[in-house]
């Protein structure tokens, strides 16, 4: 299930919910079902990704990342297919519960639009490496990760909780989470670029390791700049800059990315995931705490 990815799936959602809680009354049922939906979609994506990589021969013995269940013989493709169905059903159930708890009905315009968005999220989670033309093998993974982990996660969760998106400035924290999420994918692809070159196209495969690391640094800088801009756009308070406490973790990550190569980059993945999660929690907390 690649559990170390779960904090990343929750980061944008938590930030969106906490920003909504700073502006509106948010019900706990909406919070719980929104988070369960995000986790279910992430697990669906992880299992679909593993099956797709196994079927296409991407998961090989010489891959730099951790060994996966099909490659090591712990599970068969049919087992992963059952898991995909299970997580898809959970995603639908939790998503519908989230909408019903928020809007009180599944028949309103907002509810229908959110159900369509949810269907797109399920499709996106599965088609990263599955299907006849998976977008993850065409260098488009960064685009989809930015959209779903950034824009949809932050703005979508804010809208579900608040029934409104009152300011265009909310796009800034959404871009911040999107940039950090793409950075997680990018460092993963830098680690695997030698073996990926034979089976799929990724940004690091296209531009090479040096420029992929420049890209990684730029993503981190953009993420920080956008959150600073959002904090500055609100009523001034030092609490709004609580996320600055995570800066040393991001500095460690960027330094480690530039110093390491191949499999040695693997520790930089959980470091960035947890840094992003803490960034989101502290970033949202700064606005909620300010109310008191």
C-alpha atoms as a PDB file:
ATOM      1  CA  UNK A   1       0.000   0.000   0.000  1.00  0.00           C
ATOM      2  CA  UNK A   2       3.100   2.268   0.179  1.00  0.00           C
ATOM      3  CA  UNK A   3       1.941   3.767   3.451  1.00  0.00           C
ATOM      4  CA  UNK A   4       4.657   6.408   3.488  1.00  0.00           C
ATOM      5  CA  UNK A   5       2.753   8.238   0.725  1.00  0.00           C
ATOM      6  CA  UNK A   6      -0.365   8.738   2.880  1.00  0.00           C
ATOM      7  CA  UNK A   7       0.813  11.910   4.683  1.00  0.00           C
ATOM      8  CA  UNK A   8       1.257  13.533   1.269  1.00  0.00           C
ATOM      9  CA  UNK A   9      -2.295  12.649   0.229  1.00  0.00           C
ATOM     10  CA  UNK A  10      -3.569  14.270   3.425  1.00  0.00           C
ATOM     11  CA  UNK A  11      -1.378  17.377   3.341  1.00  0.00           C
ATOM     12  CA  UNK A  12      -3.350  19.402   0.808  1.00  0.00           C
ATOM     13  CA  UNK A  13      -6.687  18.242   2.195  1.00  0.00           C
ATOM     14  CA  UNK A  14      -5.729  19.164   5.760  1.00  0.00           C
ATOM     15  CA  UNK A  15      -4.494  22.576   4.671  1.00  0.00           C
ATOM     16  CA  UNK A  16      -7.722  23.247   2.751  1.00  0.00           C
ATOM     17  CA  UNK A  17      -9.897  22.127   5.661  1.00  0.00           C
ATOM     18  CA  UNK A  18      -7.971  24.195   8.197  1.00  0.00           C
ATOM     19  CA  UNK A  19      -8.092  27.305   6.030  1.00  0.00           C
ATOM     20  CA  UNK A  20     -11.847  26.779   5.707  1.00  0.00           C
ATOM     21  CA  UNK A  21     -12.117  26.340   9.490  1.00  0.00           C
ATOM     22  CA  UNK A  22     -10.377  29.700   9.899  1.00  0.00           C
ATOM     23  CA  UNK A  23     -13.089  31.363   7.799  1.00  0.00           C
ATOM     24  CA  UNK A  24     -16.236  29.299   8.457  1.00  0.00           C
ATOM     25  CA  UNK A  25     -17.794  26.758  10.803  1.00  0.00           C
ATOM     26  CA  UNK A  26     -16.733  23.304   9.615  1.00  0.00           C
ATOM     27  CA  UNK A  27     -18.491  20.117  10.710  1.00  0.00           C
ATOM     28  CA  UNK A  28     -16.388  17.210  11.944  1.00  0.00           C
ATOM     29  CA  UNK A  29     -18.263  14.728   9.764  1.00  0.00           C
ATOM     30  CA  UNK A  30     -17.148  16.611   6.663  1.00  0.00           C
ATOM     31  CA  UNK A  31     -13.544  16.634   7.913  1.00  0.00           C
ATOM     32  CA  UNK A  32     -13.491  12.900   8.627  1.00  0.00           C
ATOM     33  CA  UNK A  33     -15.091  11.786   5.363  1.00  0.00           C
ATOM     34  CA  UNK A  34     -12.943  14.168   3.310  1.00  0.00           C
ATOM     35  CA  UNK A  35      -9.779  12.711   4.828  1.00  0.00           C
ATOM     36  CA  UNK A  36     -11.013   9.127   4.377  1.00  0.00           C
ATOM     37  CA  UNK A  37     -11.770   9.889   0.727  1.00  0.00           C
ATOM     38  CA  UNK A  38      -8.267  11.266   0.194  1.00  0.00           C
ATOM     39  CA  UNK A  39      -6.632   8.225   1.812  1.00  0.00           C
ATOM     40  CA  UNK A  40      -8.768   5.789  -0.209  1.00  0.00           C
ATOM     41  CA  UNK A  41      -7.865   7.550  -3.465  1.00  0.00           C
ATOM     42  CA  UNK A  42      -4.174   7.446  -2.556  1.00  0.00           C
ATOM     43  CA  UNK A  43      -4.310   3.724  -1.789  1.00  0.00           C
ATOM     44  CA  UNK A  44      -6.173   3.146  -5.056  1.00  0.00           C
ATOM     45  CA  UNK A  45      -3.442   5.056  -6.893  1.00  0.00           C
ATOM     46  CA  UNK A  46      -0.653   3.127  -5.156  1.00  0.00           C
ATOM     47  CA  UNK A  47      -2.076  -0.315  -5.909  1.00  0.00           C
ATOM     48  CA  UNK A  48      -2.980   0.636  -9.490  1.00  0.00           C
ATOM     49  CA  UNK A  49       0.531   2.008  -9.967  1.00  0.00           C
ATOM     50  CA  UNK A  50       2.103  -1.203  -8.736  1.00  0.00           C
ATOM     51  CA  UNK A  51      -0.060  -3.370 -10.986  1.00  0.00           C
ATOM     52  CA  UNK A  52       0.604  -1.171 -14.008  1.00  0.00           C
ATOM     53  CA  UNK A  53       4.369  -1.165 -13.431  1.00  0.00           C
ATOM     54  CA  UNK A  54       4.357  -4.937 -12.943  1.00  0.00           C
ATOM     55  CA  UNK A  55       2.390  -5.611 -16.135  1.00  0.00           C
ATOM     56  CA  UNK A  56       4.632  -3.315 -18.185  1.00  0.00           C
ATOM     57  CA  UNK A  57       7.872  -4.696 -16.773  1.00  0.00           C
ATOM     58  CA  UNK A  58       8.913  -1.459 -15.093  1.00  0.00           C
ATOM     59  CA  UNK A  59       9.358  -3.143 -11.705  1.00  0.00           C
ATOM     60  CA  UNK A  60      12.517  -5.136 -12.334  1.00  0.00           C
ATOM     61  CA  UNK A  61      15.169  -6.557 -10.061  1.00  0.00           C
ATOM     62  CA  UNK A  62      17.562  -3.708 -10.936  1.00  0.00           C
ATOM     63  CA  UNK A  63      15.106  -0.918 -10.075  1.00  0.00           C
ATOM     64  CA  UNK A  64      16.519   1.563  -7.563  1.00  0.00           C
ATOM     65  CA  UNK A  65      13.368   1.850  -5.444  1.00  0.00           C
ATOM     66  CA  UNK A  66      12.039  -0.608  -2.846  1.00  0.00           C
ATOM     67  CA  UNK A  67      10.965  -4.062  -3.966  1.00  0.00           C
ATOM     68  CA  UNK A  68       7.247  -4.529  -4.638  1.00  0.00           C
ATOM     69  CA  UNK A  69       4.919  -7.453  -4.073  1.00  0.00           C
ATOM     70  CA  UNK A  70       4.496  -8.792  -7.619  1.00  0.00           C
ATOM     71  CA  UNK A  71       8.229  -8.605  -8.302  1.00  0.00           C
ATOM     72  CA  UNK A  72       9.029 -10.455  -5.068  1.00  0.00           C
ATOM     73  CA  UNK A  73       6.232 -13.009  -5.562  1.00  0.00           C
ATOM     74  CA  UNK A  74       4.236 -12.021  -2.477  1.00  0.00           C
ATOM     75  CA  UNK A  75       1.144 -11.212  -4.556  1.00  0.00           C
ATOM     76  CA  UNK A  76      -0.153 -11.981  -8.018  1.00  0.00           C
ATOM     77  CA  UNK A  77      -1.759  -9.500 -10.453  1.00  0.00           C
ATOM     78  CA  UNK A  78      -5.199 -10.941  -9.664  1.00  0.00           C
ATOM     79  CA  UNK A  79      -4.677 -10.028  -6.003  1.00  0.00           C
ATOM     80  CA  UNK A  80      -3.900  -6.428  -6.914  1.00  0.00           C
ATOM     81  CA  UNK A  81      -6.969  -6.292  -9.154  1.00  0.00           C
ATOM     82  CA  UNK A  82      -9.134  -7.282  -6.178  1.00  0.00           C
ATOM     83  CA  UNK A  83      -7.473  -4.557  -4.095  1.00  0.00           C
ATOM     84  CA  UNK A  84      -8.120  -2.006  -6.838  1.00  0.00           C
ATOM     85  CA  UNK A  85     -11.822  -2.848  -6.802  1.00  0.00           C
ATOM     86  CA  UNK A  86     -11.890  -2.625  -3.004  1.00  0.00           C
ATOM     87  CA  UNK A  87     -10.232   0.798  -2.859  1.00  0.00           C
ATOM     88  CA  UNK A  88     -12.327   2.107  -5.749  1.00  0.00           C
ATOM     89  CA  UNK A  89     -15.502   1.107  -3.889  1.00  0.00           C
ATOM     90  CA  UNK A  90     -14.208   2.701  -0.670  1.00  0.00           C
ATOM     91  CA  UNK A  91     -13.371   5.901  -2.565  1.00  0.00           C
ATOM     92  CA  UNK A  92     -16.908   6.058  -3.956  1.00  0.00           C
ATOM     93  CA  UNK A  93     -18.563   5.330  -0.597  1.00  0.00           C
ATOM     94  CA  UNK A  94     -16.467   7.812   1.393  1.00  0.00           C
ATOM     95  CA  UNK A  95     -16.793  10.426  -1.353  1.00  0.00           C
ATOM     96  CA  UNK A  96     -20.581  10.163  -1.428  1.00  0.00           C
ATOM     97  CA  UNK A  97     -20.696  10.285   2.385  1.00  0.00           C
ATOM     98  CA  UNK A  98     -18.520  13.421   2.306  1.00  0.00           C
ATOM     99  CA  UNK A  99     -20.861  15.144  -0.162  1.00  0.00           C
ATOM    100  CA  UNK A 100     -24.022  14.063   1.673  1.00  0.00           C
ATOM    101  CA  UNK A 101     -22.625  15.201   5.021  1.00  0.00           C
ATOM    102  CA  UNK A 102     -21.606  18.556   3.571  1.00  0.00           C
ATOM    103  CA  UNK A 103     -24.567  19.470   1.363  1.00  0.00           C
ATOM    104  CA  UNK A 104     -27.299  17.284   2.827  1.00  0.00           C
ATOM    105  CA  UNK A 105     -28.194  15.888  -0.616  1.00  0.00           C
ATOM    106  CA  UNK A 106     -26.602  14.209  -3.615  1.00  0.00           C
ATOM    107  CA  UNK A 107     -28.917  15.951  -6.059  1.00  0.00           C
ATOM    108  CA  UNK A 108     -27.798  19.584  -5.827  1.00  0.00           C
ATOM    109  CA  UNK A 109     -25.676  21.171  -8.550  1.00  0.00           C
ATOM    110  CA  UNK A 110     -22.681  21.372  -6.209  1.00  0.00           C
ATOM    111  CA  UNK A 111     -23.058  17.703  -5.260  1.00  0.00           C
ATOM    112  CA  UNK A 112     -23.269  16.573  -8.883  1.00  0.00           C
ATOM    113  CA  UNK A 113     -20.217  18.620  -9.849  1.00  0.00           C
ATOM    114  CA  UNK A 114     -18.265  17.126  -6.931  1.00  0.00           C
ATOM    115  CA  UNK A 115     -19.311  13.615  -7.970  1.00  0.00           C
ATOM    116  CA  UNK A 116     -18.010  14.301 -11.475  1.00  0.00           C
ATOM    117  CA  UNK A 117     -14.760  15.586  -9.971  1.00  0.00           C
ATOM    118  CA  UNK A 118     -14.590  12.452  -7.820  1.00  0.00           C
ATOM    119  CA  UNK A 119     -15.025  10.235 -10.883  1.00  0.00           C
ATOM    120  CA  UNK A 120     -12.145  12.100 -12.546  1.00  0.00           C
ATOM    121  CA  UNK A 121     -10.014  11.579  -9.427  1.00  0.00           C
ATOM    122  CA  UNK A 122     -10.694   7.828  -9.439  1.00  0.00           C
ATOM    123  CA  UNK A 123      -9.895   7.624 -13.143  1.00  0.00           C
ATOM    124  CA  UNK A 124      -6.728   9.663 -12.660  1.00  0.00           C
ATOM    125  CA  UNK A 125      -5.605   7.462  -9.769  1.00  0.00           C
ATOM    126  CA  UNK A 126      -5.958   4.313 -11.882  1.00  0.00           C
ATOM    127  CA  UNK A 127      -4.666   5.522 -15.238  1.00  0.00           C
ATOM    128  CA  UNK A 128      -1.275   6.740 -14.052  1.00  0.00           C
ATOM    129  CA  UNK A 129       0.250   3.414 -15.084  1.00  0.00           C
ATOM    130  CA  UNK A 130      -2.816   1.318 -16.019  1.00  0.00           C
ATOM    131  CA  UNK A 131      -4.639   1.196 -19.332  1.00  0.00           C
ATOM    132  CA  UNK A 132      -3.545   1.259 -22.951  1.00  0.00           C
ATOM    133  CA  UNK A 133      -2.051   4.759 -22.775  1.00  0.00           C
ATOM    134  CA  UNK A 134      -1.130   5.616 -19.163  1.00  0.00           C
ATOM    135  CA  UNK A 135      -0.212   9.262 -18.662  1.00  0.00           C
ATOM    136  CA  UNK A 136       2.566   8.374 -16.210  1.00  0.00           C
ATOM    137  CA  UNK A 137       4.510   6.806 -19.069  1.00  0.00           C
ATOM    138  CA  UNK A 138       4.226   9.938 -21.244  1.00  0.00           C
ATOM    139  CA  UNK A 139       5.804  12.452 -18.894  1.00  0.00           C
ATOM    140  CA  UNK A 140       2.436  13.839 -17.785  1.00  0.00           C
ATOM    141  CA  UNK A 141       2.522  12.617 -14.193  1.00  0.00           C
ATOM    142  CA  UNK A 142       3.713  16.005 -12.938  1.00  0.00           C
ATOM    143  CA  UNK A 143       0.673  17.759 -14.430  1.00  0.00           C
ATOM    144  CA  UNK A 144      -1.858  15.372 -12.875  1.00  0.00           C
ATOM    145  CA  UNK A 145      -0.115  15.344  -9.498  1.00  0.00           C
ATOM    146  CA  UNK A 146      -0.097  19.148  -9.448  1.00  0.00           C
ATOM    147  CA  UNK A 147      -3.806  19.281 -10.262  1.00  0.00           C
ATOM    148  CA  UNK A 148      -5.081  16.599  -7.905  1.00  0.00           C
ATOM    149  CA  UNK A 149      -2.649  16.917  -4.964  1.00  0.00           C
ATOM    150  CA  UNK A 150      -2.558  20.703  -5.138  1.00  0.00           C
ATOM    151  CA  UNK A 151      -5.484  22.474  -6.784  1.00  0.00           C
ATOM    152  CA  UNK A 152      -8.168  19.841  -6.176  1.00  0.00           C
ATOM    153  CA  UNK A 153      -6.942  18.844  -2.706  1.00  0.00           C
ATOM    154  CA  UNK A 154      -6.779  22.355  -1.259  1.00  0.00           C
ATOM    155  CA  UNK A 155      -9.563  24.160  -3.127  1.00  0.00           C
ATOM    156  CA  UNK A 156     -11.790  21.071  -3.278  1.00  0.00           C
ATOM    157  CA  UNK A 157     -11.597  20.380   0.458  1.00  0.00           C
ATOM    158  CA  UNK A 158     -12.076  24.089   1.210  1.00  0.00           C
ATOM    159  CA  UNK A 159     -15.200  24.162  -0.964  1.00  0.00           C
ATOM    160  CA  UNK A 160     -16.635  20.967   0.532  1.00  0.00           C
ATOM    161  CA  UNK A 161     -16.195  22.417   4.022  1.00  0.00           C
ATOM    162  CA  UNK A 162     -17.208  26.024   3.326  1.00  0.00           C
ATOM    163  CA  UNK A 163     -19.512  25.759   0.254  1.00  0.00           C
ATOM    164  CA  UNK A 164     -17.615  28.717  -1.163  1.00  0.00           C
ATOM    165  CA  UNK A 165     -14.209  29.840  -2.419  1.00  0.00           C
ATOM    166  CA  UNK A 166     -14.263  33.501  -1.368  1.00  0.00           C
ATOM    167  CA  UNK A 167     -10.879  34.644  -2.611  1.00  0.00           C
ATOM    168  CA  UNK A 168      -8.651  34.022  -5.608  1.00  0.00           C
ATOM    169  CA  UNK A 169      -5.725  34.157  -3.177  1.00  0.00           C
ATOM    170  CA  UNK A 170      -6.635  30.629  -2.037  1.00  0.00           C
ATOM    171  CA  UNK A 171      -5.017  29.486  -5.257  1.00  0.00           C
ATOM    172  CA  UNK A 172      -1.632  30.315  -3.680  1.00  0.00           C
ATOM    173  CA  UNK A 173      -1.633  27.584  -0.979  1.00  0.00           C
ATOM    174  CA  UNK A 174      -3.083  25.205  -3.574  1.00  0.00           C
ATOM    175  CA  UNK A 175      -0.132  25.900  -5.878  1.00  0.00           C
ATOM    176  CA  UNK A 176       2.213  25.479  -2.907  1.00  0.00           C
ATOM    177  CA  UNK A 177       0.896  21.991  -2.137  1.00  0.00           C
ATOM    178  CA  UNK A 178       0.915  21.127  -5.831  1.00  0.00           C
ATOM    179  CA  UNK A 179       4.555  22.161  -6.208  1.00  0.00           C
ATOM    180  CA  UNK A 180       5.667  20.111  -3.188  1.00  0.00           C
ATOM    181  CA  UNK A 181       3.689  17.085  -4.389  1.00  0.00           C
ATOM    182  CA  UNK A 182       5.277  17.286  -7.835  1.00  0.00           C
ATOM    183  CA  UNK A 183       8.654  17.524  -6.081  1.00  0.00           C
ATOM    184  CA  UNK A 184       7.935  14.210  -4.332  1.00  0.00           C
ATOM    185  CA  UNK A 185       7.204  12.593  -7.691  1.00  0.00           C
ATOM    186  CA  UNK A 186      10.241  14.222  -9.267  1.00  0.00           C
ATOM    187  CA  UNK A 187      12.737  12.987  -6.684  1.00  0.00           C
ATOM    188  CA  UNK A 188      11.233   9.514  -7.061  1.00  0.00           C
ATOM    189  CA  UNK A 189      11.763   9.765 -10.826  1.00  0.00           C
ATOM    190  CA  UNK A 190      15.324  11.038 -10.414  1.00  0.00           C
ATOM    191  CA  UNK A 191      16.080   7.998  -8.291  1.00  0.00           C
ATOM    192  CA  UNK A 192      14.605   5.626 -10.896  1.00  0.00           C
ATOM    193  CA  UNK A 193      15.664   7.415 -14.091  1.00  0.00           C
ATOM    194  CA  UNK A 194      18.227   4.816 -15.202  1.00  0.00           C
ATOM    195  CA  UNK A 195      15.757   1.935 -15.146  1.00  0.00           C
ATOM    196  CA  UNK A 196      12.791   4.085 -16.229  1.00  0.00           C
ATOM    197  CA  UNK A 197      14.613   5.107 -19.411  1.00  0.00           C
ATOM    198  CA  UNK A 198      13.960   1.661 -20.897  1.00  0.00           C
ATOM    199  CA  UNK A 199      10.201   1.588 -20.309  1.00  0.00           C
ATOM    200  CA  UNK A 200       8.724   5.068 -19.798  1.00  0.00           C
ATOM    201  CA  UNK A 201       9.244   8.799 -20.201  1.00  0.00           C
ATOM    202  CA  UNK A 202       9.543  11.027 -17.127  1.00  0.00           C
ATOM    203  CA  UNK A 203      10.747  14.601 -16.719  1.00  0.00           C
ATOM    204  CA  UNK A 204      14.180  13.525 -15.378  1.00  0.00           C
ATOM    205  CA  UNK A 205      14.571  11.090 -18.292  1.00  0.00           C
ATOM    206  CA  UNK A 206      13.789  13.960 -20.678  1.00  0.00           C
ATOM    207  CA  UNK A 207      16.035  16.651 -19.190  1.00  0.00           C
ATOM    208  CA  UNK A 208      18.759  14.683 -17.397  1.00  0.00           C
ATOM    209  CA  UNK A 209      19.748  14.438 -13.743  1.00  0.00           C
ATOM    210  CA  UNK A 210      21.331  17.888 -13.340  1.00  0.00           C
ATOM    211  CA  UNK A 211      18.358  19.814 -14.730  1.00  0.00           C
ATOM    212  CA  UNK A 212      15.942  17.530 -12.874  1.00  0.00           C
ATOM    213  CA  UNK A 213      17.622  18.653  -9.655  1.00  0.00           C
ATOM    214  CA  UNK A 214      17.346  22.278 -10.745  1.00  0.00           C
ATOM    215  CA  UNK A 215      13.656  21.589 -11.374  1.00  0.00           C
ATOM    216  CA  UNK A 216      13.396  20.032  -7.908  1.00  0.00           C
ATOM    217  CA  UNK A 217      14.899  23.110  -6.278  1.00  0.00           C
ATOM    218  CA  UNK A 218      12.587  25.409  -8.268  1.00  0.00           C
ATOM    219  CA  UNK A 219       9.524  23.441  -7.140  1.00  0.00           C
ATOM    220  CA  UNK A 220      10.506  23.835  -3.486  1.00  0.00           C
ATOM    221  CA  UNK A 221      11.162  27.574  -3.934  1.00  0.00           C
ATOM    222  CA  UNK A 222       7.824  28.100  -5.711  1.00  0.00           C
ATOM    223  CA  UNK A 223       5.972  26.215  -2.967  1.00  0.00           C
ATOM    224  CA  UNK A 224       7.484  28.402  -0.264  1.00  0.00           C
ATOM    225  CA  UNK A 225       7.021  31.636  -2.218  1.00  0.00           C
ATOM    226  CA  UNK A 226       3.318  30.952  -2.781  1.00  0.00           C
ATOM    227  CA  UNK A 227       2.636  30.218   0.896  1.00  0.00           C
ATOM    228  CA  UNK A 228       4.528  33.354   1.944  1.00  0.00           C
ATOM    229  CA  UNK A 229       2.465  35.355  -0.549  1.00  0.00           C
ATOM    230  CA  UNK A 230      -0.787  33.916   0.830  1.00  0.00           C
ATOM    231  CA  UNK A 231       0.195  34.627   4.446  1.00  0.00           C
ATOM    232  CA  UNK A 232       1.096  38.181   3.480  1.00  0.00           C
ATOM    233  CA  UNK A 233      -2.239  38.638   1.680  1.00  0.00           C
ATOM    234  CA  UNK A 234      -4.228  37.944   4.859  1.00  0.00           C
ATOM    235  CA  UNK A 235      -4.588  40.143   7.916  1.00  0.00           C
ATOM    236  CA  UNK A 236      -1.066  40.434   9.224  1.00  0.00           C
ATOM    237  CA  UNK A 237      -0.114  38.125  12.082  1.00  0.00           C
ATOM    238  CA  UNK A 238       3.075  36.270  12.910  1.00  0.00           C
ATOM    239  CA  UNK A 239       0.930  33.168  13.513  1.00  0.00           C
ATOM    240  CA  UNK A 240       0.326  33.019   9.755  1.00  0.00           C
ATOM    241  CA  UNK A 241       4.008  32.224   9.275  1.00  0.00           C
ATOM    242  CA  UNK A 242       4.056  29.236  11.599  1.00  0.00           C
ATOM    243  CA  UNK A 243       5.000  27.002   8.637  1.00  0.00           C
ATOM    244  CA  UNK A 244       8.463  28.619   8.629  1.00  0.00           C
ATOM    245  CA  UNK A 245       9.402  26.164  11.394  1.00  0.00           C
ATOM    246  CA  UNK A 246       9.699  23.463   8.717  1.00  0.00           C
ATOM    247  CA  UNK A 247      12.320  25.368   6.695  1.00  0.00           C
ATOM    248  CA  UNK A 248      15.318  23.349   8.028  1.00  0.00           C
ATOM    249  CA  UNK A 249      13.672  20.122   6.812  1.00  0.00           C
ATOM    250  CA  UNK A 250      13.290  21.474   3.277  1.00  0.00           C
ATOM    251  CA  UNK A 251      16.878  22.755   3.294  1.00  0.00           C
ATOM    252  CA  UNK A 252      18.048  19.278   4.332  1.00  0.00           C
ATOM    253  CA  UNK A 253      16.001  17.771   1.505  1.00  0.00           C
ATOM    254  CA  UNK A 254      17.347  20.048  -1.220  1.00  0.00           C
ATOM    255  CA  UNK A 255      20.929  19.605   0.006  1.00  0.00           C
ATOM    256  CA  UNK A 256      20.470  15.830   0.080  1.00  0.00           C
ATOM    257  CA  UNK A 257      19.045  15.761  -3.445  1.00  0.00           C
ATOM    258  CA  UNK A 258      22.078  17.592  -4.819  1.00  0.00           C
ATOM    259  CA  UNK A 259      24.555  15.361  -2.954  1.00  0.00           C
ATOM    260  CA  UNK A 260      22.971  11.956  -3.620  1.00  0.00           C
ATOM    261  CA  UNK A 261      22.415   9.801  -6.688  1.00  0.00           C
ATOM    262  CA  UNK A 262      20.372   6.708  -7.600  1.00  0.00           C
ATOM    263  CA  UNK A 263      19.231   4.519  -4.742  1.00  0.00           C
ATOM    264  CA  UNK A 264      20.872   6.840  -2.200  1.00  0.00           C
ATOM    265  CA  UNK A 265      18.106   9.349  -2.975  1.00  0.00           C
ATOM    266  CA  UNK A 266      15.447   7.106  -1.448  1.00  0.00           C
ATOM    267  CA  UNK A 267      15.609   8.669   2.071  1.00  0.00           C
ATOM    268  CA  UNK A 268      14.870  12.053   0.497  1.00  0.00           C
ATOM    269  CA  UNK A 269      11.360  10.825  -0.394  1.00  0.00           C
ATOM    270  CA  UNK A 270       9.949  10.279   3.126  1.00  0.00           C
ATOM    271  CA  UNK A 271      11.810  13.386   4.299  1.00  0.00           C
ATOM    272  CA  UNK A 272       9.978  15.543   1.748  1.00  0.00           C
ATOM    273  CA  UNK A 273       6.643  13.801   2.364  1.00  0.00           C
ATOM    274  CA  UNK A 274       6.805  14.444   6.107  1.00  0.00           C
ATOM    275  CA  UNK A 275       8.140  17.966   5.584  1.00  0.00           C
ATOM    276  CA  UNK A 276       5.181  18.743   3.310  1.00  0.00           C
ATOM    277  CA  UNK A 277       2.734  17.242   5.797  1.00  0.00           C
ATOM    278  CA  UNK A 278       4.140  19.298   8.685  1.00  0.00           C
ATOM    279  CA  UNK A 279       4.225  22.383   6.458  1.00  0.00           C
ATOM    280  CA  UNK A 280       0.510  21.939   5.720  1.00  0.00           C
ATOM    281  CA  UNK A 281      -0.452  21.271   9.349  1.00  0.00           C
ATOM    282  CA  UNK A 282       1.518  24.235  10.677  1.00  0.00           C
ATOM    283  CA  UNK A 283       0.438  26.432   7.770  1.00  0.00           C
ATOM    284  CA  UNK A 284      -3.215  25.738   8.484  1.00  0.00           C
ATOM    285  CA  UNK A 285      -2.763  25.901  12.267  1.00  0.00           C
ATOM    286  CA  UNK A 286      -1.348  29.408  12.011  1.00  0.00           C
ATOM    287  CA  UNK A 287      -4.655  30.679  10.627  1.00  0.00           C
ATOM    288  CA  UNK A 288      -6.840  28.675  13.020  1.00  0.00           C
ATOM    289  CA  UNK A 289      -4.846  29.634  16.115  1.00  0.00           C
ATOM    290  CA  UNK A 290      -5.025  33.302  15.111  1.00  0.00           C
ATOM    291  CA  UNK A 291      -8.782  33.187  15.731  1.00  0.00           C
ATOM    292  CA  UNK A 292      -8.188  32.593  19.428  1.00  0.00           C
END
